[in-house]
Amino acid sequence: MSLDADDGPGEQERTMVVDTRQLKRPAGKTWKPHVFKLEKVSLADTRLLEQVQWLKPKSEATEALGARLKALFDTQVGFSLESARVLGAGELRRVLVEPTFLCFLVPGAHRGRAVLEVELSLAHAAVDMLLGGAGEAVGLRPLTDIEEGVASFVVLEAIKALVPGMDSQQPKLRLEGVSRGVDEAVSRLSEEGPVVGIQLRTRLGSQDGMVRLFVPAGVMDVMTSAPAAEQRRATEKAELEAHVHRLSAVRTWLRAEIGVAEITGRDLASLRVKDVVLVDDFLARPDQGSAGTARLFLGLGRLGHLTADVFVQNGGYQARITGVVQAEEGHQGSPPDAEDAAAAAGEEYTNPERDNPLAESDDRMDAGDLLGDIPLQISVELARLPVTAEQVVGLRTGQVIELRRGPGEPVDLSVNGKVVARGELVELEGQLGVRILSLAG
């Protein structure tokens, strides 16, 4: 095995190889491999957790909540999402432990209930501050009836601050009352299947604690109706921009495509230097130094591409982004196999050799002959640039990108994003093509 060790400040990392056979171990014992146990998550649980992002209040609602709580306690109040997970009835009894403060929240006229839990130390601090104290930590005793009333008042004020900034299509939350114990809360939560537990780390002045919201699947469906496509894209874009700094180290390629041609696997395998690949149509003519258009692909380009005008400026080609074209839904960029085609036609597909596709048969043939049946799309690339994912997020219509390729320079030929050759534009019997100058690999 190898270990990366840091020898201290100013020293470079080094790799140390350890022969485990030379390590001493207790007599009669053998090395045992470590087994990682991964938590199983069902598809239904995953889809339920995806709804949490649509339950999140708008920024104006959270700002109003912060302002109202600051006015109540005369101190800074902050929230941060720490985790979200799906819980079963058995797990709820392990998560909810007496004593604690629990209250029921009702979404409009729905019969289901969500449960809001405030960690007892945080609830005591909030009550103490509202009653004139300094919010100091006290023993973890249950709240008295008066203290429960004060804590309920804080929850009501929080709901009132959130409601104006929430989606108008969402049912309005209301406080139904305080739970008389964990058993009552678990019983009410378990009526509608699995429960999403959302944990928020909360700071009230110098006091730090947890606020948790438990939402049954039925209530989650009511509170998080599927957003419109535009709203979904806007929300996802805002989330992406908020965390775009995490993508600064993720790199990919931006490829400026100016032409495509159909080629078979056999033809690709037999390409030689000076061969000419004919292309039906070119979007730009870099051999003439003239302007044109290009399709800008990022990475594999399966989700779509950018359109751009290309032109020569300061001796080099540049691309001005003009729009975004999304790929057709479900399009994967490759032809369906026989099973997919049969399924699309509503036919049953069977393959007796599926478990052993390379099994020999009586009708033997040269496998190389099958290359002629593999259709490939070969792209003519004007340029290829390394970009980070953070730069991709910042791309905008009208933005100009320097392609670092001048008129008359060779172009690249690629298949599925991988460069296979480099060549020059030529005209052969009235049709444009690319003469191969060098082959990759």
Protein backbone atom coordinates (compact mmCIF):
# COMPACT_ATOMS: atom_id res chain seq x y z
CA MET A 1 0.00 0.00 0.00
CA SER A 2 1.11 3.63 -0.35
CA LEU A 3 0.93 6.47 2.13
CA ASP A 4 1.27 10.19 1.43
CA ALA A 5 3.27 11.79 4.23
CA ASP A 6 3.93 15.46 4.90
CA ASP A 7 7.43 15.95 6.33
CA GLY A 8 6.60 19.39 7.71
CA PRO A 9 6.65 23.00 6.55
CA GLY A 10 8.54 23.52 3.33
CA GLU A 11 8.86 19.81 2.63
CA GLN A 12 7.25 18.17 -0.41
CA GLU A 13 4.91 15.23 -0.16
CA ARG A 14 6.46 11.85 -0.70
CA THR A 15 5.04 8.38 -1.25
CA MET A 16 6.14 5.56 1.04
CA VAL A 17 5.60 1.96 -0.02
CA VAL A 18 4.98 -0.48 2.84
CA ASP A 19 5.30 -4.25 2.43
CA THR A 20 2.50 -5.52 4.67
CA ARG A 21 4.13 -8.96 4.75
CA GLN A 22 6.96 -7.52 6.86
CA LEU A 23 4.61 -6.00 9.47
CA LYS A 24 4.42 -7.83 12.77
CA ARG A 25 1.03 -8.99 13.96
CA PRO A 26 -0.14 -10.93 17.02
CA ALA A 27 0.41 -14.67 16.80
CA GLY A 28 -2.53 -16.64 15.48
CA LYS A 29 -4.25 -13.61 13.91
CA THR A 30 -4.54 -12.67 10.25
CA TRP A 31 -5.15 -9.37 8.49
CA LYS A 32 -8.82 -8.81 7.84
CA PRO A 33 -10.07 -6.54 5.05
CA HIS A 34 -12.15 -3.57 6.14
CA VAL A 35 -15.72 -3.68 4.87
CA PHE A 36 -17.43 -0.36 4.18
CA LYS A 37 -21.14 -0.41 4.90
CA LEU A 38 -23.12 2.01 2.77
CA GLU A 39 -26.57 3.17 3.72
CA LYS A 40 -29.22 1.97 1.28
CA VAL A 41 -31.36 4.75 -0.17
CA SER A 42 -34.43 3.92 -2.26
CA LEU A 43 -35.46 5.83 -5.37
CA ALA A 44 -38.62 7.00 -3.56
CA ASP A 45 -36.51 8.43 -0.73
CA THR A 46 -34.25 10.21 -3.22
CA ARG A 47 -37.21 11.83 -4.97
CA LEU A 48 -38.64 12.85 -1.60
CA LEU A 49 -35.38 14.55 -0.63
CA GLU A 50 -35.31 16.38 -3.97
CA GLN A 51 -38.52 18.13 -2.91
CA VAL A 52 -36.72 19.80 0.01
CA GLN A 53 -35.25 22.45 -2.31
CA TRP A 54 -38.76 23.54 -3.33
CA LEU A 55 -39.75 23.78 0.33
CA LYS A 56 -36.98 26.32 0.95
CA PRO A 57 -38.40 29.88 1.50
CA LYS A 58 -37.44 32.68 -0.86
CA SER A 59 -34.58 34.97 0.13
CA GLU A 60 -36.98 37.81 1.00
CA ALA A 61 -38.85 35.50 3.37
CA THR A 62 -35.70 34.45 5.22
CA GLU A 63 -34.59 38.09 5.44
CA ALA A 64 -37.96 39.02 6.94
CA LEU A 65 -37.66 36.15 9.43
CA GLY A 66 -34.19 37.27 10.50
CA ALA A 67 -35.35 40.87 10.93
CA ARG A 68 -38.38 39.87 13.02
CA LEU A 69 -36.41 37.58 15.34
CA LYS A 70 -33.69 40.20 15.76
CA ALA A 71 -36.35 42.70 16.79
CA LEU A 72 -37.81 40.20 19.30
CA PHE A 73 -34.56 39.21 20.98
CA ASP A 74 -32.45 42.33 20.29
CA THR A 75 -29.61 40.10 19.11
CA GLN A 76 -28.40 38.41 15.94
CA VAL A 77 -30.21 35.24 14.85
CA GLY A 78 -28.86 32.90 12.14
CA PHE A 79 -29.91 29.65 10.45
CA SER A 80 -27.97 27.20 8.29
CA LEU A 81 -29.18 23.94 6.75
CA GLU A 82 -27.14 21.09 8.18
CA SER A 83 -28.81 17.94 6.87
CA ALA A 84 -31.94 16.37 5.39
CA ARG A 85 -32.80 12.67 5.49
CA VAL A 86 -35.76 10.33 5.20
CA LEU A 87 -36.81 8.64 8.46
CA GLY A 88 -39.08 5.69 9.21
CA ALA A 89 -41.34 5.34 12.24
CA GLY A 90 -38.73 3.31 14.11
CA GLU A 91 -36.03 5.91 13.46
CA LEU A 92 -38.27 8.73 14.70
CA ARG A 93 -38.35 7.25 18.19
CA ARG A 94 -34.57 7.19 18.24
CA VAL A 95 -34.23 10.75 16.92
CA LEU A 96 -36.85 12.40 19.14
CA VAL A 97 -35.76 12.14 22.76
CA GLU A 98 -37.45 13.53 25.87
CA PRO A 99 -37.39 16.23 27.09
CA THR A 100 -37.72 18.59 24.12
CA PHE A 101 -40.08 21.23 22.73
CA LEU A 102 -42.40 19.99 19.97
CA CYS A 103 -45.27 21.73 18.22
CA PHE A 104 -47.58 20.83 15.31
CA LEU A 105 -47.70 22.81 12.06
CA VAL A 106 -50.65 22.43 9.68
CA PRO A 107 -50.52 23.31 5.94
CA GLY A 108 -53.87 24.95 5.20
CA ALA A 109 -56.81 22.55 5.40
CA HIS A 110 -54.70 19.41 4.99
CA ARG A 111 -55.28 16.73 7.62
CA GLY A 112 -51.57 15.92 7.90
CA ARG A 113 -49.26 17.50 10.44
CA ALA A 114 -45.60 18.50 10.42
CA VAL A 115 -43.68 18.69 13.67
CA LEU A 116 -41.26 21.47 14.59
CA GLU A 117 -38.70 20.66 17.28
CA VAL A 118 -36.60 23.28 19.08
CA GLU A 119 -33.67 21.90 21.05
CA LEU A 120 -34.45 22.37 24.73
CA SER A 121 -31.37 24.47 25.55
CA LEU A 122 -32.21 26.82 22.67
CA ALA A 123 -35.88 27.00 23.73
CA HIS A 124 -34.89 27.86 27.33
CA ALA A 125 -32.54 30.60 26.08
CA ALA A 126 -35.24 32.12 23.85
CA VAL A 127 -37.83 32.11 26.64
CA ASP A 128 -35.35 33.57 29.14
CA MET A 129 -34.44 36.42 26.77
CA LEU A 130 -38.10 37.30 26.10
CA LEU A 131 -38.82 37.30 29.85
CA GLY A 132 -36.01 39.77 30.50
CA GLY A 133 -33.07 37.44 31.11
CA ALA A 134 -29.70 37.20 29.40
CA GLY A 135 -30.47 33.94 27.61
CA GLU A 136 -28.13 31.88 29.74
CA ALA A 137 -28.16 28.09 29.52
CA VAL A 138 -30.19 26.32 32.20
CA GLY A 139 -30.70 22.71 33.21
CA LEU A 140 -32.48 20.58 30.60
CA ARG A 141 -35.82 20.45 32.36
CA PRO A 142 -39.14 20.40 30.47
CA LEU A 143 -40.72 23.78 29.76
CA THR A 144 -43.50 24.91 32.05
CA ASP A 145 -46.91 25.76 30.61
CA ILE A 146 -46.04 29.48 30.67
CA GLU A 147 -42.69 28.84 28.99
CA GLU A 148 -44.40 26.70 26.33
CA GLY A 149 -46.76 29.60 25.66
CA VAL A 150 -43.80 31.97 25.20
CA ALA A 151 -42.04 29.50 22.89
CA SER A 152 -45.27 29.09 20.87
CA PHE A 153 -45.45 32.88 20.52
CA VAL A 154 -41.95 32.86 18.96
CA VAL A 155 -43.02 30.15 16.49
CA LEU A 156 -46.14 32.17 15.56
CA GLU A 157 -44.04 35.29 14.93
CA ALA A 158 -41.67 33.28 12.76
CA ILE A 159 -44.55 31.90 10.67
CA LYS A 160 -46.05 35.38 10.26
CA ALA A 161 -42.70 36.70 9.03
CA LEU A 162 -42.23 33.84 6.54
CA VAL A 163 -45.70 33.74 4.98
CA PRO A 164 -45.56 36.97 2.86
CA GLY A 165 -42.40 35.83 1.10
CA MET A 166 -43.52 32.26 0.39
CA ASP A 167 -44.91 31.01 -2.91
CA SER A 168 -48.53 32.10 -3.28
CA GLN A 169 -49.47 28.57 -4.43
CA GLN A 170 -48.23 26.99 -1.21
CA PRO A 171 -50.83 26.44 1.54
CA LYS A 172 -50.30 28.78 4.50
CA LEU A 173 -48.83 27.22 7.61
CA ARG A 174 -50.51 27.62 10.96
CA LEU A 175 -49.60 26.54 14.47
CA GLU A 176 -52.02 23.92 15.79
CA GLY A 177 -50.58 23.44 19.26
CA VAL A 178 -47.85 21.94 21.42
CA SER A 179 -47.20 18.19 21.52
CA ARG A 180 -47.57 16.63 24.96
CA GLY A 181 -44.72 14.24 24.37
CA VAL A 182 -42.64 12.34 21.86
CA ASP A 183 -45.17 9.50 21.60
CA GLU A 184 -47.91 11.86 20.42
CA ALA A 185 -45.60 13.48 17.86
CA VAL A 186 -44.40 10.14 16.47
CA SER A 187 -47.97 8.83 16.28
CA ARG A 188 -49.11 11.84 14.25
CA LEU A 189 -46.05 11.79 11.98
CA SER A 190 -46.35 8.07 11.22
CA GLU A 191 -49.85 8.40 9.75
CA GLU A 192 -48.60 9.30 6.25
CA GLY A 193 -45.61 7.10 5.50
CA PRO A 194 -41.96 8.16 5.54
CA VAL A 195 -40.91 11.48 7.07
CA VAL A 196 -38.33 13.99 5.86
CA GLY A 197 -36.23 15.32 8.74
CA ILE A 198 -34.65 18.74 8.04
CA GLN A 199 -32.06 19.89 10.57
CA LEU A 200 -31.09 23.56 10.92
CA ARG A 201 -28.22 24.80 13.03
CA THR A 202 -29.44 27.93 14.78
CA ARG A 203 -27.60 30.69 16.61
CA LEU A 204 -29.43 32.99 19.02
CA GLY A 205 -26.92 35.51 20.29
CA SER A 206 -24.23 33.43 22.02
CA GLN A 207 -26.47 30.33 22.25
CA ASP A 208 -26.10 27.63 19.61
CA GLY A 209 -28.59 24.79 19.04
CA MET A 210 -30.72 22.77 16.63
CA VAL A 211 -34.14 23.39 15.13
CA ARG A 212 -35.59 20.41 13.28
CA LEU A 213 -38.62 20.14 11.02
CA PHE A 214 -40.24 16.73 10.44
CA VAL A 215 -42.49 16.64 7.38
CA PRO A 216 -44.46 13.48 6.39
CA ALA A 217 -44.45 12.53 2.70
CA GLY A 218 -48.13 13.48 2.33
CA VAL A 219 -47.55 16.96 3.77
CA MET A 220 -44.42 17.36 1.64
CA ASP A 221 -46.48 16.72 -1.52
CA VAL A 222 -48.94 19.43 -0.48
CA MET A 223 -46.23 21.95 0.40
CA THR A 224 -44.02 21.36 -2.66
CA SER A 225 -46.11 21.26 -5.82
CA ALA A 226 -43.98 20.78 -8.93
CA PRO A 227 -42.68 24.20 -10.02
CA ALA A 228 -42.96 25.47 -13.57
CA ALA A 229 -39.97 24.82 -15.82
CA GLU A 230 -38.90 28.48 -15.78
CA GLN A 231 -39.16 28.65 -11.99
CA ARG A 232 -37.18 25.43 -11.63
CA ARG A 233 -34.40 26.70 -13.91
CA ALA A 234 -34.27 30.05 -12.08
CA THR A 235 -34.01 28.31 -8.70
CA GLU A 236 -31.35 25.88 -9.88
CA LYS A 237 -29.40 28.75 -11.46
CA ALA A 238 -29.50 30.76 -8.23
CA GLU A 239 -28.32 27.74 -6.24
CA LEU A 240 -25.53 27.10 -8.73
CA GLU A 241 -24.32 30.70 -8.68
CA ALA A 242 -24.34 30.70 -4.88
CA HIS A 243 -21.92 27.75 -4.79
CA VAL A 244 -20.03 28.28 -8.06
CA HIS A 245 -16.70 28.71 -6.23
CA ARG A 246 -16.69 24.95 -5.61
CA LEU A 247 -16.30 24.38 -9.36
CA SER A 248 -13.09 26.36 -9.79
CA ALA A 249 -10.95 23.20 -9.96
CA VAL A 250 -13.27 21.23 -12.31
CA ARG A 251 -11.95 21.43 -15.88
CA THR A 252 -13.38 20.50 -19.27
CA TRP A 253 -13.11 21.49 -22.94
CA LEU A 254 -15.00 24.08 -24.97
CA ARG A 255 -15.08 22.88 -28.59
CA ALA A 256 -15.93 25.18 -31.50
CA GLU A 257 -17.49 22.95 -34.17
CA ILE A 258 -17.82 24.29 -37.73
CA GLY A 259 -18.82 21.13 -39.61
CA VAL A 260 -19.87 17.48 -39.27
CA ALA A 261 -19.66 14.39 -41.46
CA GLU A 262 -20.91 10.81 -41.26
CA ILE A 263 -18.28 8.10 -41.18
CA THR A 264 -18.26 4.36 -40.44
CA GLY A 265 -16.06 2.63 -37.91
CA ARG A 266 -14.21 0.87 -40.75
CA ASP A 267 -13.47 4.15 -42.54
CA LEU A 268 -12.24 5.75 -39.32
CA ALA A 269 -9.95 2.82 -38.58
CA SER A 270 -8.48 2.95 -42.09
CA LEU A 271 -7.77 6.72 -42.19
CA ARG A 272 -4.28 7.62 -43.41
CA VAL A 273 -2.30 10.82 -43.79
CA LYS A 274 -3.32 12.72 -46.98
CA ASP A 275 -6.77 11.07 -47.04
CA VAL A 276 -9.65 13.55 -47.46
CA VAL A 277 -12.80 13.44 -45.32
CA LEU A 278 -15.64 15.10 -47.23
CA VAL A 279 -17.93 17.37 -45.22
CA ASP A 280 -21.42 18.30 -46.40
CA ASP A 281 -21.47 21.83 -45.04
CA PHE A 282 -19.11 24.21 -43.28
CA LEU A 283 -20.37 26.94 -40.97
CA ALA A 284 -17.13 28.92 -41.36
CA ARG A 285 -14.15 29.00 -43.75
CA PRO A 286 -10.99 29.45 -41.67
CA ASP A 287 -8.93 28.65 -44.78
CA GLN A 288 -10.18 31.91 -46.28
CA GLY A 289 -10.15 33.91 -43.05
CA SER A 290 -13.85 34.74 -43.47
CA ALA A 291 -16.52 35.10 -40.79
CA GLY A 292 -19.17 32.47 -40.12
CA THR A 293 -20.87 30.63 -37.31
CA ALA A 294 -20.01 27.78 -34.95
CA ARG A 295 -21.55 25.46 -32.40
CA LEU A 296 -19.81 25.58 -29.03
CA PHE A 297 -19.91 22.30 -27.11
CA LEU A 298 -18.89 21.88 -23.48
CA GLY A 299 -17.59 18.49 -22.37
CA LEU A 300 -19.60 15.74 -24.04
CA GLY A 301 -22.22 18.23 -25.23
CA ARG A 302 -25.12 15.86 -24.54
CA LEU A 303 -27.37 18.49 -22.95
CA GLY A 304 -27.08 21.05 -25.73
CA HIS A 305 -24.71 23.64 -27.13
CA LEU A 306 -24.11 27.35 -27.58
CA THR A 307 -24.44 29.09 -30.94
CA ALA A 308 -21.86 31.70 -31.85
CA ASP A 309 -20.73 34.05 -34.61
CA VAL A 310 -17.04 33.59 -35.41
CA PHE A 311 -14.91 36.36 -36.88
CA VAL A 312 -11.28 37.38 -37.25
CA GLN A 313 -9.92 40.14 -35.04
CA ASN A 314 -6.30 40.99 -34.28
CA GLY A 315 -5.13 38.10 -36.43
CA GLY A 316 -7.11 35.41 -34.60
CA TYR A 317 -10.58 33.93 -34.56
CA GLN A 318 -13.04 34.97 -31.87
CA ALA A 319 -16.53 33.71 -31.08
CA ARG A 320 -19.44 35.84 -29.90
CA ILE A 321 -22.13 33.78 -28.13
CA THR A 322 -25.57 34.30 -29.70
CA GLY A 323 -27.80 31.74 -27.98
CA VAL A 324 -28.30 28.40 -26.28
CA VAL A 325 -29.77 25.29 -27.92
CA GLN A 326 -30.95 22.49 -25.64
CA ALA A 327 -30.73 18.89 -26.77
CA GLU A 328 -33.96 17.00 -27.34
CA GLU A 329 -35.23 15.34 -24.16
CA GLY A 330 -33.94 11.80 -23.86
CA HIS A 331 -31.39 12.26 -26.65
CA GLN A 332 -28.12 10.56 -25.73
CA GLY A 333 -26.13 11.20 -28.88
CA SER A 334 -25.89 7.55 -29.91
CA PRO A 335 -28.17 5.19 -31.86
CA PRO A 336 -30.37 2.80 -29.85
CA ASP A 337 -29.40 -0.82 -29.67
CA ALA A 338 -31.65 -3.61 -30.86
CA GLU A 339 -33.36 -4.00 -27.50
CA ASP A 340 -34.16 -0.28 -27.22
CA ALA A 341 -35.49 -0.21 -30.78
CA ALA A 342 -37.74 -3.19 -30.13
CA ALA A 343 -39.03 -1.68 -26.90
CA ALA A 344 -39.83 1.57 -28.70
CA ALA A 345 -41.86 -0.41 -31.25
CA GLY A 346 -43.76 -2.20 -28.50
CA GLU A 347 -42.18 -5.56 -29.34
CA GLU A 348 -40.71 -8.10 -26.96
CA TYR A 349 -36.97 -8.49 -27.38
CA THR A 350 -35.23 -11.72 -26.48
CA ASN A 351 -31.59 -12.63 -26.82
CA PRO A 352 -30.67 -16.23 -25.91
CA GLU A 353 -26.97 -15.36 -25.94
CA ARG A 354 -27.30 -12.24 -23.76
CA ASP A 355 -25.38 -13.79 -20.84
CA ASN A 356 -22.55 -14.69 -23.18
CA PRO A 357 -22.55 -12.38 -26.20
CA LEU A 358 -19.17 -13.66 -27.38
CA ALA A 359 -20.22 -17.30 -27.45
CA GLU A 360 -19.24 -19.14 -30.62
CA SER A 361 -21.92 -20.08 -33.12
CA ASP A 362 -22.09 -22.27 -36.19
CA ASP A 363 -22.15 -19.27 -38.55
CA ARG A 364 -18.73 -17.82 -37.85
CA MET A 365 -17.64 -14.51 -39.30
CA ASP A 366 -14.79 -12.05 -38.98
CA ALA A 367 -15.65 -9.58 -36.20
CA GLY A 368 -13.80 -6.87 -38.10
CA ASP A 369 -16.54 -6.91 -40.72
CA LEU A 370 -18.93 -5.49 -38.12
CA LEU A 371 -17.06 -2.17 -38.06
CA GLY A 372 -18.94 -1.19 -41.19
CA ASP A 373 -22.19 -1.22 -39.20
CA ILE A 374 -20.99 1.34 -36.62
CA PRO A 375 -22.12 4.83 -37.70
CA LEU A 376 -19.99 7.64 -36.30
CA GLN A 377 -20.30 11.40 -36.48
CA ILE A 378 -17.01 13.14 -37.03
CA SER A 379 -16.80 16.81 -36.04
CA VAL A 380 -14.64 19.51 -37.58
CA GLU A 381 -13.34 21.71 -34.77
CA LEU A 382 -12.05 25.21 -35.41
CA ALA A 383 -10.58 25.36 -31.90
CA ARG A 384 -10.61 23.65 -28.51
CA LEU A 385 -10.09 25.56 -25.26
CA PRO A 386 -9.61 24.34 -21.66
CA VAL A 387 -12.19 25.94 -19.35
CA THR A 388 -13.23 25.49 -15.74
CA ALA A 389 -16.78 24.67 -14.69
CA GLU A 390 -16.85 28.02 -12.89
CA GLN A 391 -16.15 29.79 -16.20
CA VAL A 392 -18.89 27.75 -17.88
CA VAL A 393 -21.45 29.04 -15.38
CA GLY A 394 -20.39 32.61 -16.19
CA LEU A 395 -20.97 32.31 -19.97
CA ARG A 396 -23.48 34.86 -21.26
CA THR A 397 -25.11 35.78 -24.58
CA GLY A 398 -23.01 38.46 -26.26
CA GLN A 399 -19.81 37.37 -24.56
CA VAL A 400 -16.76 37.18 -26.84
CA ILE A 401 -14.34 34.25 -26.49
CA GLU A 402 -10.86 34.24 -27.96
CA LEU A 403 -10.41 30.93 -29.80
CA ARG A 404 -6.60 31.13 -30.06
CA ARG A 405 -6.66 29.90 -33.64
CA GLY A 406 -5.83 32.02 -36.70
CA PRO A 407 -6.94 31.85 -40.36
CA GLY A 408 -5.27 29.08 -42.34
CA GLU A 409 -4.25 27.06 -39.29
CA PRO A 410 -5.15 23.32 -39.23
CA VAL A 411 -8.49 22.13 -37.83
CA ASP A 412 -9.15 19.11 -35.63
CA LEU A 413 -11.33 16.10 -36.37
CA SER A 414 -12.98 14.50 -33.33
CA VAL A 415 -15.35 11.63 -32.58
CA ASN A 416 -17.41 11.69 -29.37
CA GLY A 417 -15.29 14.60 -28.16
CA LYS A 418 -11.95 12.81 -28.70
CA VAL A 419 -9.52 14.23 -31.28
CA VAL A 420 -8.61 11.59 -33.87
CA ALA A 421 -6.81 13.66 -36.51
CA ARG A 422 -5.68 17.12 -37.62
CA GLY A 423 -6.05 18.45 -41.14
CA GLU A 424 -6.47 21.34 -43.55
CA LEU A 425 -9.52 22.48 -45.50
CA VAL A 426 -9.46 21.59 -49.22
CA GLU A 427 -11.87 21.59 -52.14
CA LEU A 428 -12.23 18.32 -54.05
CA GLU A 429 -14.38 18.25 -57.18
CA GLY A 430 -16.49 21.13 -55.93
CA GLN A 431 -16.98 19.67 -52.43
CA LEU A 432 -15.23 20.80 -49.28
CA GLY A 433 -13.32 18.41 -47.13
CA VAL A 434 -10.47 18.03 -44.68
CA ARG A 435 -7.14 16.56 -45.82
CA ILE A 436 -5.50 14.59 -43.00
CA LEU A 437 -2.12 16.02 -41.93
CA SER A 438 -1.59 13.89 -38.81
CA LEU A 439 -3.37 11.17 -36.85
CA ALA A 440 -3.78 11.06 -33.09
CA GLY A 441 -2.21 8.11 -31.29
